[in-house]
N, C-alpha and C. Protein backbone atom coordinates (compact mmCIF):
# COMPACT_ATOMS: atom_id res chain seq x y z
N UNK A 1 88.78 -30.47 159.98
CA UNK A 1 87.29 -29.91 160.48
C UNK A 1 86.66 -31.20 161.16
N UNK A 2 86.37 -31.67 162.07
CA UNK A 2 85.53 -32.85 162.60
C UNK A 2 83.88 -32.90 162.52
N UNK A 3 83.76 -33.95 162.37
CA UNK A 3 82.52 -34.46 161.74
C UNK A 3 82.05 -34.94 163.84
N UNK A 4 80.62 -34.94 163.52
CA UNK A 4 79.82 -35.38 164.39
C UNK A 4 80.23 -36.50 165.74
N UNK A 5 80.87 -37.75 164.50
CA UNK A 5 81.30 -38.74 164.81
C UNK A 5 83.00 -38.68 164.88
N UNK A 6 83.32 -39.35 165.70
CA UNK A 6 84.58 -39.38 166.35
C UNK A 6 85.35 -40.73 166.55
N UNK A 7 86.00 -41.66 165.56
CA UNK A 7 87.02 -43.28 166.24
C UNK A 7 88.14 -42.55 166.67
N UNK A 8 88.77 -42.60 167.74
CA UNK A 8 89.52 -42.35 168.03
C UNK A 8 90.68 -44.02 167.71
N UNK A 9 91.99 -44.53 166.88
CA UNK A 9 92.33 -45.53 166.93
C UNK A 9 93.68 -45.18 167.73
N UNK A 10 93.63 -46.73 168.72
CA UNK A 10 94.58 -46.74 169.47
C UNK A 10 95.63 -48.34 169.13
N UNK A 11 96.69 -48.67 169.59
CA UNK A 11 97.55 -49.99 169.54
C UNK A 11 97.02 -50.94 170.55
N UNK A 12 97.13 -49.70 171.84
CA UNK A 12 96.64 -50.67 172.60
C UNK A 12 95.39 -50.12 174.13
N UNK A 13 95.23 -50.75 174.97
CA UNK A 13 93.87 -50.77 175.28
C UNK A 13 93.68 -49.52 175.89
N UNK A 14 94.90 -48.72 176.69
CA UNK A 14 94.95 -47.36 177.31
C UNK A 14 95.01 -46.49 176.58
N UNK A 15 95.82 -46.70 175.42
CA UNK A 15 96.45 -45.82 174.14
C UNK A 15 95.52 -44.41 173.87
N UNK A 16 94.63 -44.71 173.79
CA UNK A 16 93.32 -43.40 173.68
C UNK A 16 93.29 -42.51 174.60
N UNK A 17 92.36 -43.25 176.28
CA UNK A 17 92.70 -42.59 177.28
C UNK A 17 93.87 -41.56 177.93
N UNK A 18 94.36 -42.41 177.80
CA UNK A 18 95.59 -41.46 178.65
C UNK A 18 96.25 -40.23 177.66
N UNK A 19 96.35 -40.69 176.01
CA UNK A 19 96.94 -39.62 174.88
C UNK A 19 95.73 -38.75 174.48
N UNK A 20 94.34 -38.94 174.61
CA UNK A 20 93.93 -37.90 174.24
C UNK A 20 91.97 -37.95 175.13
N UNK A 21 92.24 -38.54 176.46
CA UNK A 21 91.58 -38.17 177.08
C UNK A 21 90.29 -36.50 177.03
N UNK A 22 91.27 -35.84 177.55
CA UNK A 22 91.65 -34.40 177.36
C UNK A 22 90.40 -34.01 176.08
N UNK A 23 90.58 -34.37 175.06
CA UNK A 23 89.98 -34.28 173.88
C UNK A 23 88.98 -34.67 173.81
N UNK A 24 89.05 -35.96 174.04
CA UNK A 24 87.36 -36.99 174.14
C UNK A 24 86.65 -36.15 175.20
N UNK A 25 86.78 -35.77 176.14
CA UNK A 25 85.96 -35.25 177.00
C UNK A 25 85.65 -33.76 176.53
N UNK A 26 86.23 -32.55 175.80
CA UNK A 26 85.96 -31.96 175.02
C UNK A 26 84.59 -31.94 173.82
N UNK A 27 85.25 -33.16 173.42
CA UNK A 27 84.57 -33.33 172.43
C UNK A 27 82.94 -33.61 172.66
N UNK A 28 83.07 -34.77 173.49
CA UNK A 28 81.55 -35.05 174.39
C UNK A 28 80.96 -33.98 174.73
N UNK A 29 81.52 -33.36 175.11
CA UNK A 29 80.81 -31.33 175.71
C UNK A 29 80.32 -30.63 174.65
N UNK A 30 81.19 -31.38 173.53
CA UNK A 30 80.38 -30.63 172.33
C UNK A 30 79.43 -31.46 171.72
N UNK A 31 78.95 -32.08 172.80
CA UNK A 31 77.38 -33.58 171.89
C UNK A 31 78.24 -34.02 170.82
N UNK A 32 79.43 -34.53 170.62
CA UNK A 32 79.92 -35.54 169.37
C UNK A 32 80.20 -36.97 170.12
N UNK A 33 79.59 -37.61 169.18
CA UNK A 33 79.82 -39.28 169.60
C UNK A 33 81.30 -39.56 169.34
N UNK A 34 81.84 -40.00 170.31
CA UNK A 34 83.24 -40.93 170.25
C UNK A 34 83.10 -42.59 170.71
N UNK A 35 83.90 -42.98 169.55
CA UNK A 35 84.31 -44.71 169.88
C UNK A 35 85.68 -44.79 169.83
N UNK A 36 86.29 -45.99 170.28
CA UNK A 36 87.68 -46.22 169.99
C UNK A 36 87.40 -47.68 169.78
N UNK A 37 88.61 -47.76 168.86
CA UNK A 37 88.92 -49.09 168.62
C UNK A 37 90.27 -49.58 168.81
N UNK A 38 90.53 -50.42 169.32
CA UNK A 38 91.96 -51.10 170.08
C UNK A 38 92.46 -51.87 168.97
N UNK A 39 93.79 -51.74 168.53
CA UNK A 39 94.33 -52.70 167.74
C UNK A 39 94.76 -54.19 167.83
N UNK A 40 95.37 -53.59 169.00
CA UNK A 40 96.30 -54.94 170.07
C UNK A 40 95.54 -55.33 171.19
N UNK A 41 94.57 -56.42 171.41
CA UNK A 41 93.82 -56.47 172.25
C UNK A 41 94.11 -57.88 173.27
N UNK A 42 95.16 -58.67 172.50
CA UNK A 42 95.10 -59.75 173.30
C UNK A 42 96.21 -59.67 174.89
N UNK A 43 96.97 -58.55 174.87
CA UNK A 43 98.22 -58.18 175.75
C UNK A 43 97.71 -58.70 177.21
N UNK A 44 96.41 -58.18 177.74
CA UNK A 44 95.64 -58.28 179.03
C UNK A 44 93.94 -58.15 179.66
N UNK A 45 94.00 -58.61 179.84
CA UNK A 45 92.28 -58.37 180.09
C UNK A 45 92.08 -57.42 181.47
N UNK A 46 93.04 -57.28 182.06
CA UNK A 46 92.68 -56.44 183.00
C UNK A 46 93.04 -54.97 182.39
N UNK A 47 94.05 -54.94 181.52
CA UNK A 47 94.43 -53.49 181.23
C UNK A 47 92.85 -53.27 180.29
N UNK A 48 92.54 -53.67 179.43
CA UNK A 48 91.42 -53.94 178.36
C UNK A 48 90.28 -53.31 179.65
N UNK A 49 89.67 -54.16 180.33
CA UNK A 49 88.83 -53.66 181.39
C UNK A 49 88.77 -52.16 181.72
N UNK A 50 90.13 -51.89 182.04
CA UNK A 50 90.55 -50.36 182.75
C UNK A 50 90.31 -49.55 181.82
N UNK A 51 90.49 -49.97 180.56
CA UNK A 51 89.91 -49.36 179.18
C UNK A 51 88.79 -49.01 178.84
N UNK A 52 87.75 -49.91 179.56
CA UNK A 52 86.37 -49.71 179.25
C UNK A 52 85.84 -48.99 180.08
N UNK A 53 86.62 -48.86 181.73
CA UNK A 53 86.09 -48.19 182.50
C UNK A 53 86.19 -46.81 182.55
N UNK A 54 87.60 -46.27 182.19
CA UNK A 54 87.85 -45.13 181.57
C UNK A 54 87.22 -44.45 180.75
N UNK A 55 86.84 -44.97 179.41
CA UNK A 55 86.09 -44.79 178.31
C UNK A 55 84.70 -44.41 179.06
N UNK A 56 83.91 -45.24 179.63
CA UNK A 56 82.45 -45.16 180.24
C UNK A 56 82.81 -43.59 181.04
N UNK A 57 83.52 -43.12 182.20
CA UNK A 57 83.80 -42.12 182.66
C UNK A 57 84.36 -40.81 181.29
N UNK A 58 84.45 -41.00 180.33
CA UNK A 58 84.76 -40.24 179.61
C UNK A 58 84.13 -40.04 178.71
N UNK A 59 83.10 -40.92 178.58
CA UNK A 59 81.11 -40.73 177.73
C UNK A 59 82.15 -41.61 176.29
N UNK A 60 82.44 -42.19 176.06
CA UNK A 60 82.99 -42.81 175.09
C UNK A 60 81.59 -43.63 174.75
N UNK A 61 81.40 -43.54 173.47
CA UNK A 61 79.96 -44.59 173.20
C UNK A 61 80.36 -46.08 172.73
N UNK A 62 81.27 -46.48 172.71
CA UNK A 62 82.01 -47.76 172.09
C UNK A 62 83.51 -48.19 172.12
N UNK A 63 83.87 -49.09 172.48
CA UNK A 63 85.00 -49.31 172.34
C UNK A 63 85.34 -50.95 171.81
N UNK A 64 85.67 -51.00 170.13
CA UNK A 64 86.19 -52.02 169.73
C UNK A 64 87.10 -52.23 170.40
N UNK A 65 87.10 -53.83 170.30
CA UNK A 65 88.47 -54.64 170.09
C UNK A 65 88.75 -55.49 169.05
N UNK A 66 89.86 -55.20 168.53
CA UNK A 66 89.76 -55.63 167.38
C UNK A 66 90.87 -56.91 167.23
N UNK A 67 91.47 -57.18 167.71
CA UNK A 67 91.45 -58.68 168.05
C UNK A 67 93.38 -58.91 167.53
N UNK A 68 94.40 -58.03 167.29
CA UNK A 68 95.43 -57.81 167.04
C UNK A 68 96.57 -58.25 168.27
N UNK A 69 97.62 -59.09 168.05
CA UNK A 69 98.22 -59.06 168.65
C UNK A 69 100.08 -58.06 169.37
N UNK A 70 99.52 -58.07 170.50
CA UNK A 70 101.05 -57.18 170.59
C UNK A 70 102.10 -57.25 170.40
N UNK A 71 102.66 -56.21 169.86
CA UNK A 71 104.17 -56.74 169.64
C UNK A 71 104.40 -56.85 168.03
N UNK A 72 103.52 -57.58 167.39
CA UNK A 72 103.71 -58.42 166.38
C UNK A 72 102.48 -57.77 165.16
N UNK A 73 101.99 -56.67 165.87
CA UNK A 73 100.87 -55.50 164.84
C UNK A 73 101.58 -55.33 163.23
N UNK A 74 102.58 -54.86 163.30
CA UNK A 74 102.96 -54.62 161.96
C UNK A 74 103.26 -55.52 161.15
N UNK A 75 102.89 -57.01 161.60
CA UNK A 75 103.59 -58.38 160.25
C UNK A 75 101.75 -58.63 160.16
N UNK A 76 100.81 -58.96 160.84
CA UNK A 76 99.41 -59.08 160.77
C UNK A 76 98.35 -58.08 160.71
N UNK A 77 98.80 -57.12 160.10
CA UNK A 77 97.60 -55.95 160.33
C UNK A 77 96.76 -56.20 159.15
N UNK A 78 96.74 -56.69 157.98
CA UNK A 78 95.61 -56.89 156.97
C UNK A 78 95.03 -57.67 157.26
N UNK A 79 94.26 -58.26 158.48
CA UNK A 79 93.52 -58.58 158.92
C UNK A 79 92.59 -57.98 159.70
N UNK A 80 93.64 -57.02 160.20
CA UNK A 80 92.54 -56.03 161.39
C UNK A 80 91.97 -55.15 160.45
N UNK A 81 92.48 -54.84 159.28
CA UNK A 81 92.09 -53.28 158.31
C UNK A 81 91.10 -53.44 157.86
N UNK A 82 90.20 -55.00 157.09
CA UNK A 82 88.96 -54.92 157.08
C UNK A 82 87.68 -54.65 158.35
N UNK A 83 88.27 -54.43 159.68
CA UNK A 83 87.44 -54.53 160.45
C UNK A 83 87.74 -52.95 160.61
N UNK A 84 88.97 -52.22 161.00
CA UNK A 84 88.77 -50.93 160.66
C UNK A 84 88.15 -50.17 159.98
N UNK A 85 88.13 -50.41 158.53
CA UNK A 85 87.84 -49.78 157.98
C UNK A 85 86.18 -49.59 157.70
N UNK A 86 85.73 -51.09 158.09
CA UNK A 86 84.00 -50.85 158.47
C UNK A 86 83.68 -49.63 159.76
N UNK A 87 84.68 -49.90 160.82
CA UNK A 87 84.24 -48.88 161.57
C UNK A 87 84.82 -47.18 160.83
N UNK A 88 85.32 -47.20 159.95
CA UNK A 88 85.63 -45.55 159.32
C UNK A 88 84.46 -45.03 158.41
N UNK A 89 83.97 -46.44 157.58
CA UNK A 89 82.82 -46.01 156.70
C UNK A 89 81.84 -45.42 157.85
N UNK A 90 81.75 -45.97 158.96
CA UNK A 90 80.75 -44.85 159.73
C UNK A 90 80.85 -44.20 160.47
N UNK A 91 82.31 -43.70 160.60
CA UNK A 91 83.20 -42.27 161.37
C UNK A 91 83.59 -41.61 160.23
N UNK A 92 83.46 -40.65 159.86
CA UNK A 92 84.22 -39.64 159.24
C UNK A 92 85.27 -39.14 159.44
N UNK A 93 85.95 -38.58 160.72
CA UNK A 93 86.79 -38.10 161.71
C UNK A 93 87.67 -39.00 162.30
N UNK A 94 88.75 -39.79 162.10
CA UNK A 94 89.41 -40.82 163.17
C UNK A 94 90.23 -40.24 163.51
N UNK A 95 90.94 -39.64 164.46
CA UNK A 95 92.64 -39.24 165.15
C UNK A 95 92.73 -40.93 165.29
N UNK A 96 94.28 -40.50 165.20
CA UNK A 96 95.31 -41.80 165.45
C UNK A 96 96.48 -41.52 166.29
N UNK A 97 96.84 -42.44 167.02
CA UNK A 97 98.50 -42.03 167.33
C UNK A 97 99.17 -41.60 166.27
N UNK A 98 100.53 -40.90 166.92
CA UNK A 98 101.30 -40.69 165.87
C UNK A 98 101.68 -41.31 165.51
N UNK A 99 102.21 -41.80 164.08
CA UNK A 99 103.53 -42.84 163.58
C UNK A 99 104.59 -42.94 163.90
N UNK A 100 105.05 -41.57 164.54
CA UNK A 100 106.44 -41.26 164.87
C UNK A 100 106.87 -42.19 166.39
N UNK A 101 106.10 -42.73 167.02
CA UNK A 101 106.45 -43.01 168.29
C UNK A 101 106.98 -44.28 168.16
N UNK A 102 108.12 -44.84 169.32
CA UNK A 102 109.42 -45.36 169.30
C UNK A 102 108.55 -47.05 169.02
N UNK A 103 107.68 -47.36 169.58
CA UNK A 103 107.22 -48.60 169.71
C UNK A 103 106.39 -49.13 168.39
N UNK A 104 106.89 -50.35 167.90
CA UNK A 104 106.49 -50.92 166.82
C UNK A 104 105.23 -51.06 166.53
N UNK A 105 104.50 -51.61 167.77
CA UNK A 105 102.63 -51.64 167.10
C UNK A 105 102.31 -49.63 166.88
N UNK A 106 102.96 -49.02 167.79
CA UNK A 106 102.04 -47.71 167.72
C UNK A 106 102.36 -47.26 166.60
N UNK A 107 103.45 -47.57 165.73
CA UNK A 107 104.02 -47.37 164.20
C UNK A 107 103.21 -47.44 163.27
N UNK A 108 102.93 -48.94 163.60
CA UNK A 108 102.29 -49.24 162.54
C UNK A 108 100.31 -49.10 162.78
N UNK A 109 100.28 -48.95 163.81
CA UNK A 109 98.59 -48.16 164.17
C UNK A 109 98.71 -47.00 163.37
N UNK A 110 99.67 -45.83 163.24
CA UNK A 110 99.46 -44.88 162.94
C UNK A 110 99.74 -44.80 161.09
N UNK A 111 100.73 -45.79 160.74
CA UNK A 111 101.00 -45.80 159.43
C UNK A 111 99.69 -46.45 158.37
N UNK A 112 98.94 -47.38 159.46
CA UNK A 112 98.12 -47.94 158.48
C UNK A 112 96.96 -47.08 158.69
N UNK A 113 96.32 -45.81 158.98
CA UNK A 113 95.40 -45.32 159.20
C UNK A 113 95.46 -44.44 157.98
N UNK A 114 93.79 -43.80 157.83
CA UNK A 114 93.73 -43.14 156.36
C UNK A 114 94.81 -41.67 156.18
N UNK A 115 94.42 -41.46 155.39
CA UNK A 115 95.20 -40.04 154.61
C UNK A 115 95.35 -39.20 155.75
N UNK A 116 96.58 -38.77 156.15
CA UNK A 116 96.71 -37.48 157.27
C UNK A 116 95.81 -36.44 157.11
N UNK A 117 95.17 -36.19 155.66
CA UNK A 117 94.22 -34.87 155.65
C UNK A 117 92.92 -35.34 156.70
N UNK A 118 92.68 -36.48 156.52
CA UNK A 118 91.42 -36.72 157.47
C UNK A 118 91.43 -37.02 158.64
N UNK A 119 93.04 -37.21 159.30
CA UNK A 119 93.11 -37.58 160.80
C UNK A 119 94.22 -36.47 161.63
N UNK A 120 93.41 -35.83 162.11
CA UNK A 120 94.26 -35.20 163.22
C UNK A 120 94.89 -36.09 164.23
N UNK A 121 96.16 -35.71 164.37
CA UNK A 121 96.99 -36.80 165.22
C UNK A 121 97.47 -36.20 166.53
N UNK A 122 97.57 -37.25 167.45
CA UNK A 122 98.44 -36.63 168.82
C UNK A 122 99.67 -36.96 168.70
């Protein structure tokens, strides 16, 4: 069961909007708060700006750019984990990317997320 506040975790700036935009729209219509955590955000300022605009249209309350480096997220995830854990303490229901995706950054995102029973996956 999802809580009132939902944190969506994506590897890249546009992952959440493209993969879960419909769900975000539904949850916002149910008056749930939605926030997004982007793990790899050094790739493109334009892409991040587009993600913020899409989030605004979907009604996302906050977008957190955690500063990971694209394509090597799996190597240096420990420094991001503390920031992600701070967000998780404030948000009880974090949907994440499916860890079976082929790109290594997305696999790292899914594999470092909280236990499956707390996370519906997309």
